[in-house]
N, C-alpha and C. Protein backbone atom coordinates (compact mmCIF):
# COMPACT_ATOMS: atom_id res chain seq x y z
N UNK A 1 1.22 -8.13 -21.17
CA UNK A 1 -0.04 -8.33 -20.47
C UNK A 1 0.06 -7.71 -19.08
N UNK A 2 -0.91 -6.92 -18.74
CA UNK A 2 -0.89 -6.23 -17.46
C UNK A 2 -1.51 -7.10 -16.37
N UNK A 3 -0.86 -7.12 -15.21
CA UNK A 3 -1.40 -7.87 -14.09
C UNK A 3 -2.37 -6.99 -13.33
N UNK A 4 -3.53 -7.53 -13.03
CA UNK A 4 -4.58 -6.77 -12.35
C UNK A 4 -4.84 -7.39 -10.98
N UNK A 5 -3.85 -7.35 -10.13
CA UNK A 5 -3.99 -7.97 -8.81
C UNK A 5 -3.59 -6.98 -7.73
N UNK A 6 -4.13 -7.20 -6.56
CA UNK A 6 -3.78 -6.39 -5.40
C UNK A 6 -3.55 -7.35 -4.24
N UNK A 7 -2.52 -7.07 -3.44
CA UNK A 7 -2.19 -7.94 -2.32
C UNK A 7 -2.45 -7.20 -1.02
N UNK A 8 -3.43 -7.67 -0.26
CA UNK A 8 -3.76 -7.11 1.04
C UNK A 8 -3.18 -7.99 2.14
N UNK A 9 -2.61 -7.36 3.16
CA UNK A 9 -2.16 -8.08 4.35
C UNK A 9 -2.93 -7.50 5.53
N UNK A 10 -3.78 -8.32 6.13
CA UNK A 10 -4.58 -7.88 7.27
C UNK A 10 -3.80 -8.13 8.55
N UNK A 11 -3.75 -7.10 9.40
CA UNK A 11 -3.03 -7.22 10.66
C UNK A 11 -3.77 -6.41 11.72
N UNK A 12 -3.26 -6.48 12.94
CA UNK A 12 -3.83 -5.69 14.02
C UNK A 12 -2.78 -5.45 15.09
N UNK A 13 -3.07 -4.49 15.97
CA UNK A 13 -2.16 -4.17 17.06
C UNK A 13 -2.07 -5.35 18.03
N UNK A 14 -0.97 -5.40 18.76
CA UNK A 14 -0.78 -6.44 19.78
C UNK A 14 -0.91 -7.84 19.22
N UNK A 15 -0.36 -8.05 18.04
CA UNK A 15 -0.40 -9.35 17.37
C UNK A 15 1.04 -9.74 17.07
N UNK A 16 1.67 -10.57 17.93
CA UNK A 16 3.07 -10.93 17.71
C UNK A 16 3.35 -11.53 16.33
N UNK A 17 2.49 -12.40 15.78
CA UNK A 17 2.77 -12.89 14.42
C UNK A 17 2.74 -11.77 13.38
N UNK A 18 1.86 -10.78 13.59
CA UNK A 18 1.80 -9.64 12.66
C UNK A 18 3.10 -8.85 12.72
N UNK A 19 3.62 -8.64 13.93
CA UNK A 19 4.87 -7.92 14.11
C UNK A 19 6.03 -8.67 13.43
N UNK A 20 6.04 -9.99 13.57
CA UNK A 20 7.09 -10.80 12.94
C UNK A 20 7.00 -10.71 11.42
N UNK A 21 5.79 -10.73 10.89
CA UNK A 21 5.60 -10.60 9.45
C UNK A 21 6.07 -9.23 8.97
N UNK A 22 5.71 -8.16 9.70
CA UNK A 22 6.14 -6.82 9.31
C UNK A 22 7.66 -6.71 9.35
N UNK A 23 8.29 -7.36 10.32
CA UNK A 23 9.76 -7.36 10.38
C UNK A 23 10.35 -8.05 9.15
N UNK A 24 9.75 -9.17 8.75
CA UNK A 24 10.20 -9.88 7.55
C UNK A 24 10.03 -9.00 6.31
N UNK A 25 8.90 -8.33 6.21
CA UNK A 25 8.62 -7.48 5.06
C UNK A 25 9.62 -6.33 4.98
N UNK A 26 10.08 -5.84 6.12
CA UNK A 26 11.05 -4.73 6.11
C UNK A 26 12.36 -5.13 5.45
N UNK A 27 12.63 -6.42 5.31
CA UNK A 27 13.83 -6.90 4.65
C UNK A 27 13.67 -7.08 3.14
N UNK A 28 12.47 -6.88 2.62
CA UNK A 28 12.22 -6.99 1.18
C UNK A 28 12.68 -5.72 0.48
N UNK A 29 12.79 -5.79 -0.83
CA UNK A 29 13.14 -4.60 -1.59
C UNK A 29 11.99 -3.59 -1.50
N UNK A 30 12.29 -2.33 -1.81
CA UNK A 30 11.25 -1.30 -1.78
C UNK A 30 10.13 -1.64 -2.76
N UNK A 31 10.49 -2.16 -3.93
CA UNK A 31 9.48 -2.52 -4.94
C UNK A 31 8.57 -3.62 -4.43
N UNK A 32 9.14 -4.61 -3.74
CA UNK A 32 8.32 -5.69 -3.17
C UNK A 32 7.43 -5.15 -2.07
N UNK A 33 7.99 -4.33 -1.18
CA UNK A 33 7.20 -3.76 -0.09
C UNK A 33 6.03 -2.94 -0.62
N UNK A 34 6.26 -2.22 -1.72
CA UNK A 34 5.22 -1.37 -2.29
C UNK A 34 4.02 -2.16 -2.79
N UNK A 35 4.21 -3.44 -3.05
CA UNK A 35 3.11 -4.27 -3.56
C UNK A 35 2.18 -4.77 -2.45
N UNK A 36 2.59 -4.62 -1.20
CA UNK A 36 1.80 -5.12 -0.08
C UNK A 36 1.06 -3.98 0.58
N UNK A 37 -0.23 -4.12 0.71
CA UNK A 37 -1.06 -3.10 1.34
C UNK A 37 -1.51 -3.63 2.70
N UNK A 38 -0.87 -3.17 3.78
CA UNK A 38 -1.27 -3.57 5.13
C UNK A 38 -2.53 -2.83 5.53
N UNK A 39 -3.54 -3.58 5.91
CA UNK A 39 -4.82 -2.98 6.30
C UNK A 39 -5.26 -3.58 7.64
N UNK A 40 -5.98 -2.81 8.44
CA UNK A 40 -6.42 -3.32 9.73
C UNK A 40 -7.56 -4.33 9.59
N UNK A 41 -7.55 -5.30 10.49
CA UNK A 41 -8.65 -6.26 10.54
C UNK A 41 -9.89 -5.61 11.15
N UNK A 42 -9.65 -4.83 12.21
CA UNK A 42 -10.77 -4.24 12.94
C UNK A 42 -10.72 -2.72 12.92
N UNK A 43 -11.90 -2.12 12.94
CA UNK A 43 -12.03 -0.67 13.03
C UNK A 43 -11.84 -0.26 14.50
N UNK A 44 -11.66 1.03 14.78
CA UNK A 44 -11.49 1.47 16.17
C UNK A 44 -12.63 1.06 17.11
N UNK A 45 -13.82 0.87 16.57
CA UNK A 45 -14.96 0.45 17.41
C UNK A 45 -14.96 -1.05 17.70
N UNK A 46 -13.99 -1.79 17.18
CA UNK A 46 -13.89 -3.22 17.44
C UNK A 46 -14.52 -4.10 16.39
N UNK A 47 -15.31 -3.53 15.50
CA UNK A 47 -15.94 -4.31 14.43
C UNK A 47 -14.93 -4.57 13.32
N UNK A 48 -15.17 -5.61 12.56
CA UNK A 48 -14.33 -5.88 11.40
C UNK A 48 -14.43 -4.71 10.43
N UNK A 49 -13.31 -4.38 9.77
CA UNK A 49 -13.37 -3.34 8.75
C UNK A 49 -14.20 -3.84 7.58
N UNK A 50 -14.70 -2.91 6.77
CA UNK A 50 -15.53 -3.28 5.63
C UNK A 50 -14.77 -4.21 4.68
N UNK A 51 -13.49 -3.93 4.46
CA UNK A 51 -12.70 -4.77 3.56
C UNK A 51 -12.52 -6.17 4.13
N UNK A 52 -12.27 -6.27 5.43
CA UNK A 52 -12.14 -7.59 6.06
C UNK A 52 -13.45 -8.37 5.93
N UNK A 53 -14.57 -7.71 6.13
CA UNK A 53 -15.86 -8.39 5.97
C UNK A 53 -16.09 -8.83 4.54
N UNK A 54 -15.79 -7.92 3.60
CA UNK A 54 -15.99 -8.22 2.18
C UNK A 54 -15.18 -9.43 1.74
N UNK A 55 -13.93 -9.52 2.23
CA UNK A 55 -13.04 -10.61 1.83
C UNK A 55 -13.07 -11.78 2.80
N UNK A 56 -13.98 -11.72 3.79
CA UNK A 56 -14.19 -12.79 4.75
C UNK A 56 -12.92 -13.15 5.52
N UNK A 57 -12.23 -12.11 6.00
CA UNK A 57 -11.02 -12.29 6.79
C UNK A 57 -11.38 -12.18 8.26
N UNK A 58 -11.00 -13.19 9.05
CA UNK A 58 -11.33 -13.19 10.47
C UNK A 58 -10.12 -13.29 11.37
N UNK A 59 -8.96 -13.68 10.83
CA UNK A 59 -7.76 -13.89 11.63
C UNK A 59 -6.61 -13.04 11.10
N UNK A 60 -5.66 -12.73 11.98
CA UNK A 60 -4.47 -12.02 11.53
C UNK A 60 -3.24 -12.78 11.94
N UNK A 61 -2.17 -12.66 11.16
CA UNK A 61 -2.15 -12.00 9.85
C UNK A 61 -2.75 -12.91 8.77
N UNK A 62 -3.39 -12.29 7.82
CA UNK A 62 -3.92 -12.98 6.64
C UNK A 62 -3.53 -12.18 5.41
N UNK A 63 -3.03 -12.86 4.40
CA UNK A 63 -2.71 -12.24 3.12
C UNK A 63 -3.75 -12.70 2.11
N UNK A 64 -4.34 -11.76 1.41
CA UNK A 64 -5.34 -12.07 0.38
C UNK A 64 -4.93 -11.38 -0.91
N UNK A 65 -4.81 -12.17 -1.97
CA UNK A 65 -4.57 -11.62 -3.31
C UNK A 65 -5.93 -11.53 -3.98
N UNK A 66 -6.24 -10.36 -4.53
CA UNK A 66 -7.51 -10.19 -5.24
C UNK A 66 -7.25 -9.82 -6.69
N UNK A 67 -8.12 -10.30 -7.55
CA UNK A 67 -8.13 -9.94 -8.96
C UNK A 67 -8.99 -8.69 -9.06
N UNK A 68 -8.42 -7.61 -9.59
CA UNK A 68 -9.13 -6.35 -9.70
C UNK A 68 -9.71 -6.20 -11.10
N UNK A 69 -10.99 -5.90 -11.15
CA UNK A 69 -11.65 -5.69 -12.43
C UNK A 69 -12.64 -4.55 -12.32
N UNK A 70 -12.93 -3.94 -13.44
CA UNK A 70 -13.98 -2.94 -13.50
C UNK A 70 -15.09 -3.54 -14.35
N UNK A 71 -16.27 -3.62 -13.78
CA UNK A 71 -17.43 -4.15 -14.50
C UNK A 71 -18.36 -2.99 -14.82
N UNK A 72 -18.72 -2.86 -16.08
CA UNK A 72 -19.57 -1.75 -16.52
C UNK A 72 -20.81 -2.28 -17.22
N UNK A 73 -21.87 -1.51 -17.10
CA UNK A 73 -23.08 -1.80 -17.85
C UNK A 73 -23.76 -0.47 -18.18
N UNK A 74 -24.60 -0.49 -19.20
CA UNK A 74 -25.30 0.71 -19.64
C UNK A 74 -26.63 0.80 -18.91
N UNK A 75 -26.85 1.93 -18.27
CA UNK A 75 -28.11 2.18 -17.56
C UNK A 75 -29.23 2.44 -18.56
N UNK A 76 -30.47 2.41 -18.09
CA UNK A 76 -31.62 2.69 -18.95
C UNK A 76 -31.55 4.08 -19.57
N UNK A 77 -30.91 5.02 -18.86
CA UNK A 77 -30.81 6.39 -19.38
C UNK A 77 -29.65 6.56 -20.36
N UNK A 78 -28.94 5.46 -20.67
CA UNK A 78 -27.87 5.50 -21.65
C UNK A 78 -26.49 5.76 -21.07
N UNK A 79 -26.43 6.07 -19.78
CA UNK A 79 -25.13 6.31 -19.15
C UNK A 79 -24.49 5.01 -18.73
N UNK A 80 -23.17 4.98 -18.81
CA UNK A 80 -22.42 3.80 -18.41
C UNK A 80 -22.18 3.84 -16.90
N UNK A 81 -22.49 2.75 -16.21
CA UNK A 81 -22.27 2.65 -14.76
C UNK A 81 -21.22 1.57 -14.53
N UNK A 82 -20.13 1.95 -13.88
CA UNK A 82 -19.03 1.02 -13.66
C UNK A 82 -18.81 0.80 -12.17
N UNK A 83 -18.53 -0.43 -11.81
CA UNK A 83 -18.22 -0.80 -10.44
C UNK A 83 -16.86 -1.48 -10.40
N UNK A 84 -16.10 -1.18 -9.37
CA UNK A 84 -14.80 -1.79 -9.13
C UNK A 84 -15.04 -3.08 -8.35
N UNK A 85 -14.59 -4.21 -8.87
CA UNK A 85 -14.85 -5.50 -8.26
C UNK A 85 -13.53 -6.19 -7.95
N UNK A 86 -13.40 -6.72 -6.72
CA UNK A 86 -12.22 -7.47 -6.33
C UNK A 86 -12.65 -8.88 -5.94
N UNK A 87 -12.08 -9.86 -6.62
CA UNK A 87 -12.38 -11.26 -6.34
C UNK A 87 -11.14 -11.93 -5.76
N UNK A 88 -11.23 -12.54 -4.58
CA UNK A 88 -10.07 -13.24 -4.02
C UNK A 88 -9.63 -14.40 -4.91
N UNK A 89 -8.30 -14.51 -5.10
CA UNK A 89 -7.76 -15.62 -5.88
C UNK A 89 -6.76 -16.45 -5.09
N UNK A 90 -6.28 -15.90 -3.98
CA UNK A 90 -5.29 -16.61 -3.17
C UNK A 90 -5.40 -16.09 -1.74
N UNK A 91 -5.16 -16.98 -0.76
CA UNK A 91 -5.26 -16.59 0.64
C UNK A 91 -4.25 -17.40 1.45
N UNK A 92 -3.50 -16.70 2.30
CA UNK A 92 -2.58 -17.35 3.23
C UNK A 92 -2.87 -16.80 4.62
N UNK A 93 -2.96 -17.70 5.59
CA UNK A 93 -3.25 -17.31 6.97
C UNK A 93 -2.07 -17.71 7.85
N UNK A 94 -1.63 -16.78 8.70
CA UNK A 94 -0.54 -17.05 9.62
C UNK A 94 0.79 -16.57 9.10
N UNK A 95 1.61 -16.02 10.00
CA UNK A 95 2.89 -15.43 9.61
C UNK A 95 3.80 -16.44 8.92
N UNK A 96 3.93 -17.64 9.47
CA UNK A 96 4.81 -18.64 8.87
C UNK A 96 4.39 -18.96 7.44
N UNK A 97 3.10 -19.16 7.24
CA UNK A 97 2.57 -19.50 5.92
C UNK A 97 2.77 -18.35 4.94
N UNK A 98 2.52 -17.13 5.40
CA UNK A 98 2.69 -15.97 4.52
C UNK A 98 4.15 -15.81 4.15
N UNK A 99 5.03 -15.85 5.15
CA UNK A 99 6.48 -15.68 4.89
C UNK A 99 6.98 -16.74 3.92
N UNK A 100 6.53 -17.98 4.11
CA UNK A 100 6.97 -19.08 3.24
C UNK A 100 6.58 -18.85 1.78
N UNK A 101 5.42 -18.25 1.55
CA UNK A 101 4.92 -18.09 0.19
C UNK A 101 5.04 -16.66 -0.35
N UNK A 102 5.60 -15.74 0.42
CA UNK A 102 5.57 -14.33 0.04
C UNK A 102 6.32 -14.03 -1.25
N UNK A 103 7.54 -14.51 -1.41
CA UNK A 103 8.30 -14.23 -2.63
C UNK A 103 7.58 -14.77 -3.86
N UNK A 104 7.10 -16.00 -3.78
CA UNK A 104 6.40 -16.60 -4.92
C UNK A 104 5.11 -15.84 -5.23
N UNK A 105 4.43 -15.38 -4.20
CA UNK A 105 3.18 -14.63 -4.39
C UNK A 105 3.47 -13.30 -5.07
N UNK A 106 4.49 -12.60 -4.61
CA UNK A 106 4.86 -11.33 -5.24
C UNK A 106 5.28 -11.56 -6.68
N UNK A 107 6.05 -12.62 -6.94
CA UNK A 107 6.46 -12.95 -8.31
C UNK A 107 5.24 -13.23 -9.20
N UNK A 108 4.30 -13.99 -8.67
CA UNK A 108 3.16 -14.43 -9.48
C UNK A 108 2.19 -13.30 -9.81
N UNK A 109 2.03 -12.34 -8.90
CA UNK A 109 0.96 -11.37 -9.07
C UNK A 109 1.41 -9.94 -9.30
N UNK A 110 2.72 -9.68 -9.37
CA UNK A 110 3.21 -8.31 -9.56
C UNK A 110 4.41 -8.32 -10.50
N UNK A 111 4.92 -7.15 -10.75
CA UNK A 111 6.16 -6.99 -11.52
C UNK A 111 7.28 -6.47 -10.63
N UNK A 112 7.20 -6.67 -9.32
CA UNK A 112 8.17 -6.13 -8.37
C UNK A 112 9.53 -6.77 -8.49
N UNK A 113 9.58 -8.05 -8.82
CA UNK A 113 10.86 -8.76 -8.94
C UNK A 113 11.27 -8.83 -10.39
N UNK A 114 12.49 -8.36 -10.71
CA UNK A 114 12.94 -8.44 -12.11
C UNK A 114 13.12 -9.90 -12.52
N UNK A 115 12.83 -10.16 -13.79
CA UNK A 115 12.92 -11.55 -14.27
C UNK A 115 14.26 -11.84 -14.87
């Protein structure tokens, strides 16, 4: 059975907890690190990034696990229209909380750790 999950870690510049989390992540295996997608909370103009708004992330660091699915339907003209949909299934806020649950989260939602 294939796992259809993506793990986003929202961070920003000048965020000591974000720096501590990134330092912790640097000690993980390459396979574990590859499963984490660090994304900015804010765009250069200061507004929340589209992904942060979509997933309702307001603080950093925040880790959000999303279930990835493709939803398709047939248009009136007979063509298939597909949209990529991500639904949050897990959320951890704060470096301590993320670090405490990171190994279990990677185990639960990826194949990065051998069984």
